Amino acid sequence: MQFDYRARDADGRETRGRLDAPDEAAAVRALAEQGLTVVQLQERQETPVAARRRGSISRADQVMLLQELATLLKAGVSLGDTLPSLTQAYASHPLGPALAEMHAHVRGGGRLSTALEMPALKLPGYVHALTQAGEASGQLARALSDAAAQMELDRKSSEALRSALVYPSLLVTVGIAAVFYIFVFVVPKFAPMLRNARAEVPEISRLMIESGVYVKTHLEAVLIAGAAGLALLAALLAQPRVRHWLFQQLSRLPGVGPWLHQMEIGRWATVLGTLLDNRVAIVPAMTLALGALRIDAMRAGLERTARALQQGDALADALSTQTWFPATRINLIRVGERSGELPRMLLALGESQTDSARTTQTRLLGLIEPAAILVIGGVIGFIMTAVMLTVTSLNSSI
């Protein structure tokens, strides 16, 4: 919370200003510590326009916050000086309110790891675990840097996928528009041929032309229905449960499923390796690393693996029972356990699986363009064949 205050110092001089505090009592105490006697204190309310202009916190904002915290702490700046500086710098940024709340929490004696758990930041669970481990080991800057690096890797992977889908999406959109134009504005021009009693028009041609005439006649209603359908689809995809269900179905498809599994294994291994490298115990680290997984079958399998670890099994032995885990990678984990280099081996596994996922992603995206061209070309060819059958039928009757 932000407060505008008017106060007097020990000499009776009036001063005005603004400060951040969790509540009014904390604001009064903070001013008293500065030797000021409060005359007037009023909470500053953010206008709806300012709140909309501020926007929401993006993944890039989250990464930037962790990177700046790590950089300042590595430079020897204390946490008590870092948070006020960042709060002032990002006052008009989406991170502003969250930083002000973090500052107030830490200044009141709370831990940074607890402050980072606030719902407004929406940070992954492994960030909180890494921060807690950094506080316990005295290597907070390193832990924040590792968390930022992992989040940046996830963000770049998502952005690369979205960028790669731009051209195929444009190609499909233009193709659909071309098919719609031919169906609505070209096909109906052949409708008069159907009135020729002597022409024996094939049923498929008659159905195609009559459908085109119907759509053109009721074009406004068709466009409204199409827009309503797209709005409904967008509303469904905005639901987390629908997106989760769709992701589970995609993970079962040939081609797409192996790619998603490679990507999930790479993310899980990197997160687990980073947690272990920051001295988080393996059982809680396994539990936290589950948050990096989105495929239910993999999460259930790794939950069983975590229970096996609690019973004293080795990680490599527990993972060998999972059919989706690459058998060729089990030995890498086994060597890491025997040599005491498990974090480094997991990080290497994560990097290897991520590289494999990128290669598979490139191949899959390369198939979208020719597949879209074939499908769209086939649809246009089918329409034009139906039309030409009408023409040839008329010529035969003549």
Protein backbone atom coordinates (compact mmCIF):
# COMPACT_ATOMS: atom_id res chain seq x y z
CA MET A 1 0.00 0.00 0.00
CA GLN A 2 1.11 3.57 -0.72
CA PHE A 3 0.45 6.47 1.66
CA ASP A 4 0.72 10.22 1.17
CA TYR A 5 1.81 11.82 4.42
CA ARG A 6 2.28 15.22 6.01
CA ALA A 7 4.52 15.22 9.08
CA ARG A 8 6.72 17.44 11.28
CA ASP A 9 10.31 16.80 12.31
CA ALA A 10 11.88 17.48 15.73
CA ASP A 11 12.34 21.17 14.85
CA GLY A 12 8.69 21.57 13.90
CA ARG A 13 9.33 21.84 10.16
CA GLU A 14 6.64 20.31 7.96
CA THR A 15 7.51 17.73 5.35
CA ARG A 16 5.43 15.89 2.79
CA GLY A 17 6.04 12.66 0.93
CA ARG A 18 4.93 9.20 -0.02
CA LEU A 19 5.92 5.80 1.37
CA ASP A 20 5.07 2.12 0.97
CA ALA A 21 3.81 0.11 3.92
CA PRO A 22 1.61 -2.95 4.48
CA ASP A 23 -0.90 -0.93 6.55
CA GLU A 24 -1.46 2.44 8.23
CA ALA A 25 0.11 1.43 11.56
CA ALA A 26 3.28 0.28 9.81
CA ALA A 27 3.43 3.60 7.93
CA VAL A 28 3.19 5.55 11.21
CA ARG A 29 5.97 3.42 12.75
CA ALA A 30 8.20 3.87 9.70
CA LEU A 31 7.81 7.66 9.89
CA ALA A 32 8.42 7.63 13.65
CA GLU A 33 11.69 5.76 13.06
CA GLN A 34 12.72 8.68 10.84
CA GLY A 35 11.96 11.14 13.67
CA LEU A 36 8.75 12.42 12.07
CA THR A 37 5.41 13.05 13.79
CA VAL A 38 2.46 12.34 11.52
CA VAL A 39 0.05 15.19 10.94
CA GLN A 40 -1.91 13.64 8.10
CA LEU A 41 -1.75 10.17 6.54
CA GLN A 42 -3.89 9.07 3.60
CA GLU A 43 -3.80 5.88 1.56
CA ARG A 44 -3.13 6.53 -2.10
CA GLN A 45 -5.75 4.89 -4.32
CA GLU A 46 -4.81 3.79 -7.83
CA THR A 47 -7.36 4.91 -10.43
CA PRO A 48 -8.93 2.27 -12.73
CA VAL A 49 -7.31 3.99 -15.72
CA ALA A 50 -3.87 3.77 -14.12
CA ALA A 51 -4.43 0.14 -13.18
CA ARG A 52 -5.36 -0.74 -16.77
CA ARG A 53 -2.38 1.21 -18.10
CA ARG A 54 -0.07 -0.61 -15.70
CA GLY A 55 -0.98 -3.98 -17.22
CA SER A 56 -0.20 -7.46 -15.93
CA ILE A 57 3.10 -9.11 -15.07
CA SER A 58 4.49 -11.11 -17.99
CA ARG A 59 7.01 -13.96 -17.96
CA ALA A 60 9.65 -11.53 -19.25
CA ASP A 61 8.90 -9.24 -16.27
CA GLN A 62 9.34 -12.16 -13.87
CA VAL A 63 12.71 -13.05 -15.38
CA MET A 64 13.82 -9.41 -15.31
CA LEU A 65 12.94 -9.10 -11.61
CA LEU A 66 14.94 -12.20 -10.65
CA GLN A 67 17.90 -11.15 -12.80
CA GLU A 68 18.05 -7.66 -11.29
CA LEU A 69 17.75 -9.00 -7.75
CA ALA A 70 20.60 -11.44 -8.44
CA THR A 71 22.77 -8.78 -10.09
CA LEU A 72 22.40 -6.28 -7.25
CA LEU A 73 23.03 -8.91 -4.58
CA LYS A 74 26.13 -10.17 -6.44
CA ALA A 75 27.40 -6.57 -6.54
CA GLY A 76 27.28 -6.47 -2.75
CA VAL A 77 24.12 -4.37 -2.39
CA SER A 78 22.13 -5.47 0.64
CA LEU A 79 18.58 -6.73 0.27
CA GLY A 80 17.37 -3.82 2.41
CA ASP A 81 18.78 -1.38 -0.16
CA THR A 82 17.92 -3.46 -3.24
CA LEU A 83 14.16 -3.65 -2.73
CA PRO A 84 13.56 0.10 -2.11
CA SER A 85 15.65 0.91 -5.18
CA LEU A 86 13.70 -1.49 -7.40
CA THR A 87 10.38 -0.36 -5.93
CA GLN A 88 11.13 3.24 -6.86
CA ALA A 89 12.46 2.31 -10.32
CA TYR A 90 9.37 0.24 -11.20
CA ALA A 91 6.74 2.45 -9.57
CA SER A 92 4.74 2.81 -12.82
CA HIS A 93 5.56 -0.71 -14.08
CA PRO A 94 3.36 -3.81 -13.59
CA LEU A 95 5.99 -4.98 -11.09
CA GLY A 96 5.55 -1.83 -8.98
CA PRO A 97 2.80 -2.98 -6.56
CA ALA A 98 4.40 -6.41 -6.13
CA LEU A 99 7.80 -4.89 -5.35
CA ALA A 100 6.23 -2.49 -2.86
CA GLU A 101 4.58 -5.42 -1.10
CA MET A 102 7.84 -7.39 -1.14
CA HIS A 103 9.69 -4.40 0.32
CA ALA A 104 7.17 -4.02 3.11
CA HIS A 105 7.28 -7.75 3.88
CA VAL A 106 11.08 -7.94 4.06
CA ARG A 107 11.35 -4.68 6.01
CA GLY A 108 8.91 -6.17 8.53
CA GLY A 109 11.28 -9.09 9.13
CA GLY A 110 9.94 -11.56 6.54
CA ARG A 111 12.01 -13.69 4.19
CA LEU A 112 12.48 -12.95 0.51
CA SER A 113 11.45 -16.52 -0.36
CA THR A 114 8.11 -15.94 1.37
CA ALA A 115 7.66 -12.59 -0.36
CA LEU A 116 8.21 -14.21 -3.77
CA GLU A 117 5.26 -16.54 -3.11
CA MET A 118 2.73 -13.71 -3.44
CA PRO A 119 -0.04 -14.60 -5.96
CA ALA A 120 0.52 -11.45 -8.05
CA LEU A 121 3.97 -12.66 -9.19
CA LYS A 122 2.79 -16.16 -10.24
CA LEU A 123 6.30 -17.58 -10.04
CA PRO A 124 6.87 -21.34 -10.54
CA GLY A 125 7.27 -23.44 -7.41
CA TYR A 126 10.93 -24.18 -8.09
CA VAL A 127 11.74 -20.45 -7.78
CA HIS A 128 10.54 -20.46 -4.17
CA ALA A 129 12.52 -23.63 -3.41
CA LEU A 130 15.69 -22.23 -4.96
CA THR A 131 15.29 -18.99 -3.01
CA GLN A 132 14.82 -20.89 0.25
CA ALA A 133 17.91 -22.97 -0.49
CA GLY A 134 19.88 -19.81 -1.32
CA GLU A 135 18.87 -18.19 1.97
CA ALA A 136 19.86 -21.30 3.92
CA SER A 137 23.25 -21.67 2.19
CA GLY A 138 24.08 -17.95 2.02
CA GLN A 139 24.14 -18.07 -1.81
CA LEU A 140 20.92 -16.18 -2.49
CA ALA A 141 22.31 -14.35 -5.52
CA ARG A 142 23.33 -17.59 -7.22
CA ALA A 143 19.97 -19.21 -6.48
CA LEU A 144 18.07 -16.25 -7.96
CA SER A 145 20.34 -16.29 -11.00
CA ASP A 146 19.71 -20.02 -11.55
CA ALA A 147 15.96 -19.50 -11.20
CA ALA A 148 16.05 -16.63 -13.70
CA ALA A 149 18.08 -18.73 -16.16
CA GLN A 150 15.57 -21.60 -16.01
CA MET A 151 12.60 -19.27 -16.46
CA GLU A 152 14.34 -17.52 -19.36
CA LEU A 153 14.94 -20.90 -21.02
CA ASP A 154 11.23 -21.74 -20.71
CA ARG A 155 10.24 -18.32 -22.04
CA LYS A 156 12.55 -18.52 -25.07
CA SER A 157 11.27 -22.00 -25.91
CA SER A 158 7.69 -20.77 -25.86
CA GLU A 159 8.50 -17.70 -27.93
CA ALA A 160 10.43 -19.77 -30.48
CA LEU A 161 7.43 -22.06 -30.90
CA ARG A 162 5.03 -19.14 -31.33
CA SER A 163 7.33 -17.46 -33.85
CA ALA A 164 7.70 -20.69 -35.82
CA LEU A 165 3.91 -21.05 -36.01
CA VAL A 166 3.36 -17.58 -37.51
CA TYR A 167 4.00 -18.55 -41.15
CA PRO A 168 2.04 -21.85 -41.08
CA SER A 169 -0.88 -20.05 -39.39
CA LEU A 170 -0.81 -17.33 -42.05
CA LEU A 171 -0.68 -19.94 -44.81
CA VAL A 172 -3.67 -21.83 -43.41
CA THR A 173 -5.66 -18.61 -42.91
CA VAL A 174 -5.05 -17.42 -46.47
CA GLY A 175 -5.90 -20.88 -47.81
CA ILE A 176 -9.20 -20.98 -45.93
CA ALA A 177 -10.02 -17.48 -47.19
CA ALA A 178 -9.28 -18.57 -50.79
CA VAL A 179 -11.52 -21.63 -50.48
CA PHE A 180 -14.31 -19.52 -48.98
CA TYR A 181 -14.05 -16.96 -51.79
CA ILE A 182 -14.25 -19.63 -54.51
CA PHE A 183 -17.15 -21.37 -52.77
CA VAL A 184 -19.20 -18.19 -52.28
CA PHE A 185 -18.38 -16.02 -55.30
CA VAL A 186 -17.30 -18.45 -58.06
CA VAL A 187 -19.33 -21.63 -57.60
CA PRO A 188 -22.77 -19.90 -57.56
CA LYS A 189 -22.12 -18.51 -61.08
CA PHE A 190 -22.73 -22.01 -62.42
CA ALA A 191 -26.19 -22.25 -60.81
CA PRO A 192 -28.07 -21.41 -64.07
CA MET A 193 -26.71 -24.63 -65.58
CA LEU A 194 -28.78 -26.63 -63.10
CA ARG A 195 -31.97 -25.27 -64.68
CA ASN A 196 -31.14 -26.95 -68.00
CA ALA A 197 -33.52 -29.90 -68.05
CA ARG A 198 -31.44 -31.77 -70.61
CA ALA A 199 -28.26 -31.67 -68.49
CA GLU A 200 -27.65 -34.72 -66.30
CA VAL A 201 -25.63 -33.02 -63.59
CA PRO A 202 -23.86 -35.36 -61.11
CA GLU A 203 -25.33 -35.28 -57.63
CA ILE A 204 -22.05 -34.12 -56.08
CA SER A 205 -21.90 -31.15 -58.49
CA ARG A 206 -25.53 -30.25 -57.80
CA LEU A 207 -24.94 -30.39 -54.04
CA MET A 208 -21.79 -28.27 -54.30
CA ILE A 209 -23.42 -25.54 -56.42
CA GLU A 210 -26.62 -25.41 -54.36
CA SER A 211 -24.56 -25.17 -51.16
CA GLY A 212 -22.57 -22.27 -52.61
CA VAL A 213 -25.78 -20.49 -53.63
CA TYR A 214 -27.26 -21.01 -50.16
CA VAL A 215 -24.16 -19.64 -48.41
CA LYS A 216 -24.04 -16.61 -50.70
CA THR A 217 -27.76 -15.92 -50.17
CA HIS A 218 -27.39 -16.15 -46.37
CA LEU A 219 -23.86 -14.74 -46.23
CA GLU A 220 -24.53 -12.38 -43.32
CA ALA A 221 -26.00 -15.14 -41.15
CA VAL A 222 -23.12 -17.49 -42.07
CA LEU A 223 -20.53 -14.85 -41.14
CA ILE A 224 -22.26 -14.16 -37.82
CA ALA A 225 -22.42 -17.90 -37.07
CA GLY A 226 -18.73 -18.24 -37.97
CA ALA A 227 -17.77 -15.33 -35.74
CA ALA A 228 -19.84 -16.80 -32.89
CA GLY A 229 -18.13 -20.15 -33.37
CA LEU A 230 -14.68 -18.55 -33.24
CA ALA A 231 -15.64 -16.58 -30.11
CA LEU A 232 -16.89 -19.79 -28.47
CA LEU A 233 -13.68 -21.58 -29.40
CA ALA A 234 -11.58 -18.73 -27.99
CA ALA A 235 -13.62 -18.78 -24.77
CA LEU A 236 -13.12 -22.54 -24.43
CA LEU A 237 -9.37 -22.29 -25.06
CA ALA A 238 -9.16 -19.57 -22.40
CA GLN A 239 -10.27 -22.16 -19.81
CA PRO A 240 -7.29 -23.86 -18.12
CA ARG A 241 -9.15 -27.17 -17.88
CA VAL A 242 -9.88 -27.20 -21.61
CA ARG A 243 -6.26 -26.37 -22.48
CA HIS A 244 -5.08 -29.06 -20.09
CA TRP A 245 -7.38 -31.65 -21.68
CA LEU A 246 -6.27 -30.64 -25.18
CA PHE A 247 -2.59 -30.91 -24.17
CA GLN A 248 -3.17 -34.44 -22.83
CA GLN A 249 -4.77 -35.47 -26.13
CA LEU A 250 -1.89 -33.99 -28.13
CA SER A 251 0.62 -35.91 -26.00
CA ARG A 252 -0.95 -39.16 -27.22
CA LEU A 253 -0.66 -38.38 -30.94
CA PRO A 254 2.10 -39.96 -33.03
CA GLY A 255 4.85 -37.49 -33.89
CA VAL A 256 3.56 -34.75 -31.60
CA GLY A 257 3.53 -36.99 -28.50
CA PRO A 258 7.25 -37.93 -28.59
CA TRP A 259 8.15 -34.26 -29.14
CA LEU A 260 6.12 -33.16 -26.09
CA HIS A 261 7.65 -35.95 -24.00
CA GLN A 262 11.19 -34.88 -24.97
CA MET A 263 10.38 -31.29 -24.06
CA GLU A 264 8.87 -32.26 -20.70
CA ILE A 265 11.78 -34.55 -19.77
CA GLY A 266 14.26 -31.79 -20.65
CA ARG A 267 12.46 -29.24 -18.48
CA TRP A 268 12.06 -31.68 -15.57
CA ALA A 269 15.73 -32.77 -15.62
CA THR A 270 16.96 -29.16 -15.79
CA VAL A 271 14.75 -28.04 -12.89
CA LEU A 272 15.68 -31.05 -10.76
CA GLY A 273 19.39 -30.61 -11.51
CA THR A 274 19.23 -26.92 -10.64
CA LEU A 275 17.46 -27.65 -7.34
CA LEU A 276 20.00 -30.33 -6.38
CA ASP A 277 22.88 -28.08 -7.39
CA ASN A 278 21.54 -25.51 -4.92
CA ARG A 279 21.56 -28.15 -2.14
CA VAL A 280 17.87 -28.93 -2.04
CA ALA A 281 17.34 -32.49 -0.75
CA ILE A 282 16.42 -34.96 -3.49
CA VAL A 283 12.96 -35.96 -2.21
CA PRO A 284 11.59 -32.39 -1.84
CA ALA A 285 13.42 -31.49 -5.05
CA MET A 286 11.58 -34.29 -6.88
CA THR A 287 8.27 -33.02 -5.51
CA LEU A 288 9.02 -29.45 -6.60
CA ALA A 289 10.25 -30.54 -10.04
CA LEU A 290 6.86 -32.17 -10.67
CA GLY A 291 5.50 -28.64 -11.10
CA ALA A 292 7.48 -28.36 -14.33
CA LEU A 293 5.48 -31.21 -15.92
CA ARG A 294 2.20 -30.82 -17.80
CA ILE A 295 1.61 -34.39 -18.99
CA ASP A 296 -0.46 -36.26 -16.39
CA ALA A 297 0.99 -39.70 -17.16
CA MET A 298 4.54 -38.43 -16.65
CA ARG A 299 3.63 -36.66 -13.43
CA ALA A 300 1.97 -39.78 -12.03
CA GLY A 301 5.03 -41.85 -12.94
CA LEU A 302 7.42 -39.43 -11.26
CA GLU A 303 5.22 -39.32 -8.16
CA ARG A 304 5.74 -43.08 -7.91
CA THR A 305 9.45 -42.49 -8.42
CA ALA A 306 9.49 -39.99 -5.53
CA ARG A 307 7.80 -42.54 -3.27
CA ALA A 308 10.38 -45.12 -4.29
CA LEU A 309 13.15 -42.67 -3.35
CA GLN A 310 11.59 -42.26 0.10
CA GLN A 311 11.79 -46.05 0.49
CA GLY A 312 15.51 -46.01 -0.29
CA ASP A 313 15.61 -46.83 -4.02
CA ALA A 314 18.12 -45.17 -6.33
CA LEU A 315 16.81 -42.61 -8.80
CA ALA A 316 18.08 -44.57 -11.82
CA ASP A 317 16.41 -47.79 -10.61
CA ALA A 318 13.11 -46.01 -9.91
CA LEU A 319 13.12 -44.31 -13.33
CA SER A 320 13.88 -47.56 -15.17
CA THR A 321 10.30 -48.70 -14.47
CA GLN A 322 8.86 -45.75 -16.44
CA THR A 323 8.20 -46.76 -20.04
CA TRP A 324 8.22 -43.16 -21.31
CA PHE A 325 11.69 -42.39 -19.91
CA PRO A 326 14.49 -42.95 -22.48
CA ALA A 327 16.32 -46.16 -21.55
CA THR A 328 19.52 -44.74 -23.06
CA ARG A 329 19.49 -41.92 -20.48
CA ILE A 330 19.15 -44.13 -17.41
CA ASN A 331 22.85 -44.94 -17.41
CA LEU A 332 23.68 -41.22 -17.36
CA ILE A 333 21.72 -40.82 -14.13
CA ARG A 334 23.20 -44.00 -12.66
CA VAL A 335 26.74 -42.74 -13.33
CA GLY A 336 25.83 -39.40 -11.74
CA GLU A 337 24.57 -41.12 -8.58
CA ARG A 338 27.66 -43.31 -8.25
CA SER A 339 30.11 -40.48 -8.86
CA GLY A 340 28.29 -37.89 -6.73
CA GLU A 341 27.72 -35.72 -9.81
CA LEU A 342 23.97 -36.23 -10.13
CA PRO A 343 23.13 -32.49 -10.46
CA ARG A 344 25.61 -32.08 -13.31
CA MET A 345 24.37 -35.21 -15.07
CA LEU A 346 20.75 -34.10 -14.75
CA LEU A 347 21.61 -30.71 -16.22
CA ALA A 348 23.40 -32.45 -19.11
CA LEU A 349 20.36 -34.69 -19.59
CA GLY A 350 18.07 -31.66 -19.60
CA GLU A 351 20.18 -29.91 -22.21
CA SER A 352 20.34 -33.04 -24.38
CA GLN A 353 16.58 -33.63 -24.25
CA THR A 354 15.85 -29.96 -24.95
CA ASP A 355 18.11 -30.06 -28.02
CA SER A 356 16.35 -33.21 -29.22
CA ALA A 357 12.97 -31.54 -28.70
CA ARG A 358 14.09 -28.53 -30.75
CA THR A 359 15.20 -30.81 -33.60
CA THR A 360 11.88 -32.68 -33.54
CA GLN A 361 9.99 -29.37 -33.37
CA THR A 362 11.80 -28.11 -36.48
CA ARG A 363 10.89 -31.27 -38.37
CA LEU A 364 7.23 -31.15 -37.33
CA LEU A 365 6.88 -27.48 -38.24
CA GLY A 366 8.55 -28.20 -41.57
CA LEU A 367 5.75 -30.67 -42.31
CA ILE A 368 2.95 -28.17 -41.63
CA GLU A 369 3.55 -26.11 -44.79
CA PRO A 370 3.41 -28.96 -47.35
CA ALA A 371 0.53 -30.62 -45.46
CA ALA A 372 -1.46 -27.36 -45.49
CA ILE A 373 -0.76 -26.84 -49.21
CA LEU A 374 -1.86 -30.40 -50.00
CA VAL A 375 -5.08 -30.13 -47.97
CA ILE A 376 -6.05 -26.70 -49.28
CA GLY A 377 -5.11 -27.66 -52.84
CA GLY A 378 -7.17 -30.83 -52.51
CA VAL A 379 -10.24 -28.92 -51.32
CA ILE A 380 -9.96 -26.38 -54.15
CA GLY A 381 -9.38 -29.21 -56.63
CA PHE A 382 -12.49 -31.01 -55.34
CA ILE A 383 -14.63 -27.88 -55.75
CA MET A 384 -13.34 -27.17 -59.23
CA THR A 385 -13.81 -30.82 -60.26
CA ALA A 386 -17.44 -30.67 -59.16
CA VAL A 387 -17.91 -27.49 -61.19
CA MET A 388 -16.23 -28.91 -64.29
CA LEU A 389 -18.43 -32.00 -64.10
CA THR A 390 -21.40 -29.66 -64.41
CA VAL A 391 -19.89 -28.04 -67.51
CA THR A 392 -19.08 -31.37 -69.14
CA SER A 393 -22.56 -32.69 -68.36
CA LEU A 394 -24.08 -29.68 -70.12
CA ASN A 395 -21.82 -30.15 -73.12
CA SER A 396 -22.75 -33.82 -73.32
CA SER A 397 -26.45 -32.96 -73.31
CA ILE A 398 -25.92 -30.53 -76.17
